[in-house]
Amino acid sequence: MSTELLAFYAFAALALGSGLFILLTRNLMYAAFSLFLALLGIAALFVLAGADFLAVAQLMVYVGGILVLLIFGIMLTRVPDPEATSQTPNRVLVGLGRKFWGLTVGLGLFVVLFLVVVQANFALDGDTLDSRSTIRTLGVELMTTHLLPFEIAGILLLVALVGAAYLAMHRNPDPTE
């Protein structure tokens, strides 16, 4: 078994395993960190497929932006648990009926996608892949021609982060005060 094939199976197992953990866990923070592992596994699969730009975009957009926003939202939200006497944050209860239908739909999609992958004719030799990388070209373009929009987007994201931290710090947790 080649090293590339072994790496593919390892990253595919990481993505699938953490995706299943997202479905089966009841803790929202564990699900968010498992989503992080799933997105990293998918980015690694993009690298193995020769799509280095998609891997970097996956890391920057989904892991760097959306997942961090999701974790901030989870951390700043407190959901009261009616069963406990004190407030326990981030506990989500899922009924048995939803688990059944979620598992049924998930297994059905898995079978369909598995059949598509098994019946597809993928070329695994290295001669068919283009060995040129687009990362260097994109990096030069971002740091020369498109530097101003890149910096403006960074400043806007920083302002949004500071605003969210300010709102979270100055909110009133007790409605009677």
Protein backbone atom coordinates (compact mmCIF):
# COMPACT_ATOMS: atom_id res chain seq x y z
CA MET A 1 0.00 0.00 0.00
CA SER A 2 1.48 3.34 -1.03
CA THR A 3 1.99 6.25 1.33
CA GLU A 4 -0.41 8.45 -0.62
CA LEU A 5 -3.17 5.87 -0.42
CA LEU A 6 -2.54 5.39 3.30
CA ALA A 7 -2.72 9.17 3.84
CA PHE A 8 -5.96 9.30 1.85
CA TYR A 9 -7.55 6.59 4.00
CA ALA A 10 -6.33 8.27 7.20
CA PHE A 11 -7.71 11.71 6.28
CA ALA A 12 -10.96 10.21 4.97
CA ALA A 13 -11.36 8.30 8.24
CA LEU A 14 -10.67 11.52 10.18
CA ALA A 15 -13.32 13.42 8.22
CA LEU A 16 -15.91 10.62 8.44
CA GLY A 17 -15.21 9.83 12.10
CA SER A 18 -15.45 13.43 13.23
CA GLY A 19 -18.59 13.87 11.10
CA LEU A 20 -20.20 10.92 12.87
CA PHE A 21 -19.10 12.35 16.22
CA ILE A 22 -20.85 15.62 15.31
CA LEU A 23 -24.06 13.66 14.76
CA LEU A 24 -23.85 11.59 17.92
CA THR A 25 -22.58 14.03 20.55
CA ARG A 26 -24.90 15.99 22.80
CA ASN A 27 -22.35 18.65 23.75
CA LEU A 28 -22.29 21.62 21.39
CA MET A 29 -18.65 22.53 22.08
CA TYR A 30 -17.50 18.98 21.33
CA ALA A 31 -19.48 19.11 18.09
CA ALA A 32 -17.82 22.40 17.10
CA PHE A 33 -14.33 21.06 17.73
CA SER A 34 -15.23 17.88 15.88
CA LEU A 35 -16.37 20.05 12.97
CA PHE A 36 -12.89 21.60 13.08
CA LEU A 37 -11.34 18.15 12.66
CA ALA A 38 -13.74 17.29 9.83
CA LEU A 39 -12.88 20.47 7.96
CA LEU A 40 -9.16 19.82 8.44
CA GLY A 41 -9.60 16.30 7.07
CA ILE A 42 -11.40 17.63 4.02
CA ALA A 43 -8.68 20.25 3.44
CA ALA A 44 -6.07 17.48 3.61
CA LEU A 45 -8.06 15.51 1.03
CA PHE A 46 -8.01 18.58 -1.22
CA VAL A 47 -4.22 18.70 -0.88
CA LEU A 48 -3.95 15.04 -1.81
CA ALA A 49 -6.15 15.65 -4.85
CA GLY A 50 -3.84 18.41 -6.07
CA ALA A 51 -6.32 21.22 -5.36
CA ASP A 52 -4.08 23.30 -3.15
CA PHE A 53 -6.09 26.50 -3.61
CA LEU A 54 -9.26 24.77 -2.46
CA ALA A 55 -7.41 23.46 0.60
CA VAL A 56 -6.17 26.92 1.56
CA ALA A 57 -9.59 28.44 0.88
CA GLN A 58 -11.18 25.71 3.03
CA LEU A 59 -8.84 26.53 5.89
CA MET A 60 -9.16 30.31 5.60
CA VAL A 61 -12.90 30.58 5.00
CA TYR A 62 -14.42 27.69 6.91
CA VAL A 63 -11.91 26.98 9.67
CA GLY A 64 -10.61 30.53 10.03
CA GLY A 65 -13.87 32.38 9.69
CA ILE A 66 -17.07 30.45 9.97
CA LEU A 67 -15.95 27.94 12.59
CA VAL A 68 -14.46 30.65 14.81
CA LEU A 69 -17.74 32.58 14.53
CA LEU A 70 -19.66 29.43 15.42
CA ILE A 71 -17.49 28.80 18.48
CA PHE A 72 -17.91 32.43 19.60
CA GLY A 73 -21.67 32.05 19.26
CA ILE A 74 -21.66 28.86 21.31
CA MET A 75 -19.42 30.32 24.00
CA LEU A 76 -21.46 33.52 24.32
CA THR A 77 -24.82 31.72 24.53
CA ARG A 78 -26.07 30.22 27.75
CA VAL A 79 -29.00 27.83 27.42
CA PRO A 80 -30.77 27.06 30.70
CA ASP A 81 -31.36 23.38 31.40
CA PRO A 82 -34.84 22.76 32.87
CA GLU A 83 -33.68 19.51 34.53
CA ALA A 84 -30.83 21.07 36.51
CA THR A 85 -31.10 23.53 39.37
CA SER A 86 -28.25 25.68 38.04
CA GLN A 87 -27.64 26.91 34.53
CA THR A 88 -25.47 24.60 32.46
CA PRO A 89 -24.23 26.20 29.24
CA ASN A 90 -24.43 24.69 25.78
CA ARG A 91 -26.39 21.51 26.43
CA VAL A 92 -28.65 20.44 23.60
CA LEU A 93 -31.09 17.55 23.98
CA VAL A 94 -32.17 15.68 20.85
CA GLY A 95 -35.21 13.43 20.77
CA LEU A 96 -35.02 9.79 19.70
CA GLY A 97 -37.17 10.37 16.60
CA ARG A 98 -34.74 12.95 15.26
CA LYS A 99 -31.81 10.62 15.84
CA PHE A 100 -33.56 7.85 13.89
CA TRP A 101 -34.38 10.03 10.87
CA GLY A 102 -30.97 11.68 10.95
CA LEU A 103 -29.25 8.31 10.99
CA THR A 104 -31.52 6.97 8.23
CA VAL A 105 -30.94 9.94 5.92
CA GLY A 106 -27.22 9.97 6.69
CA LEU A 107 -26.82 6.27 5.94
CA GLY A 108 -28.80 6.66 2.72
CA LEU A 109 -26.57 9.51 1.56
CA PHE A 110 -23.50 7.51 2.54
CA VAL A 111 -24.62 4.52 0.45
CA VAL A 112 -25.34 6.73 -2.57
CA LEU A 113 -22.00 8.54 -2.33
CA PHE A 114 -20.15 5.27 -1.73
CA LEU A 115 -21.67 3.77 -4.88
CA VAL A 116 -20.70 6.86 -6.87
CA VAL A 117 -17.09 6.64 -5.65
CA VAL A 118 -16.85 2.89 -6.27
CA GLN A 119 -18.25 3.13 -9.80
CA ALA A 120 -16.18 6.19 -10.78
CA ASN A 121 -13.00 5.77 -12.78
CA PHE A 122 -10.42 7.91 -10.99
CA ALA A 123 -6.91 8.28 -12.38
CA LEU A 124 -4.46 7.68 -9.52
CA ASP A 125 -1.19 8.00 -11.41
CA GLY A 126 0.85 11.15 -10.84
CA ASP A 127 1.31 11.84 -14.56
CA THR A 128 -2.22 13.11 -15.06
CA LEU A 129 -2.04 15.72 -12.29
CA ASP A 130 -0.74 19.18 -13.03
CA SER A 131 2.32 19.76 -10.86
CA ARG A 132 2.13 23.58 -11.02
CA SER A 133 0.86 25.25 -7.88
CA THR A 134 -1.48 28.22 -7.87
CA ILE A 135 -0.69 29.23 -4.30
CA ARG A 136 2.37 31.28 -5.25
CA THR A 137 0.47 33.15 -7.98
CA LEU A 138 -2.46 33.87 -5.64
CA GLY A 139 -0.12 35.03 -2.87
CA VAL A 140 1.70 37.45 -5.16
CA GLU A 141 -1.60 38.80 -6.49
CA LEU A 142 -3.03 39.27 -2.98
CA MET A 143 0.07 41.08 -1.73
CA THR A 144 0.58 43.33 -4.76
CA THR A 145 -2.40 44.06 -7.00
CA HIS A 146 -5.21 43.31 -4.53
CA LEU A 147 -3.54 44.44 -1.30
CA LEU A 148 -6.02 47.24 -0.46
CA PRO A 149 -9.21 45.09 -0.60
CA PHE A 150 -7.39 42.35 1.35
CA GLU A 151 -6.42 44.79 4.11
CA ILE A 152 -9.89 46.38 4.21
CA ALA A 153 -11.49 42.95 4.65
CA GLY A 154 -9.05 42.21 7.50
CA ILE A 155 -9.86 45.50 9.24
CA LEU A 156 -13.62 44.91 8.88
CA LEU A 157 -13.28 41.45 10.41
CA LEU A 158 -11.24 42.90 13.29
CA VAL A 159 -13.88 45.58 13.94
CA ALA A 160 -16.63 42.93 13.94
CA LEU A 161 -14.65 40.81 16.41
CA VAL A 162 -14.07 43.76 18.76
CA GLY A 163 -17.76 44.72 18.51
CA ALA A 164 -18.88 41.19 19.34
CA ALA A 165 -16.53 41.06 22.34
CA TYR A 166 -17.82 44.46 23.54
CA LEU A 167 -21.46 43.39 23.23
CA ALA A 168 -20.79 40.12 25.04
CA MET A 169 -18.93 41.86 27.86
CA HIS A 170 -21.57 44.54 28.45
CA ARG A 171 -24.72 42.47 28.24
CA ASN A 172 -26.88 42.01 31.31
CA PRO A 173 -27.31 38.30 32.17
CA ASP A 174 -29.99 38.95 34.83
CA PRO A 175 -33.19 40.46 33.34
CA THR A 176 -34.34 41.75 36.76
CA GLU A 177 -31.43 44.18 37.11
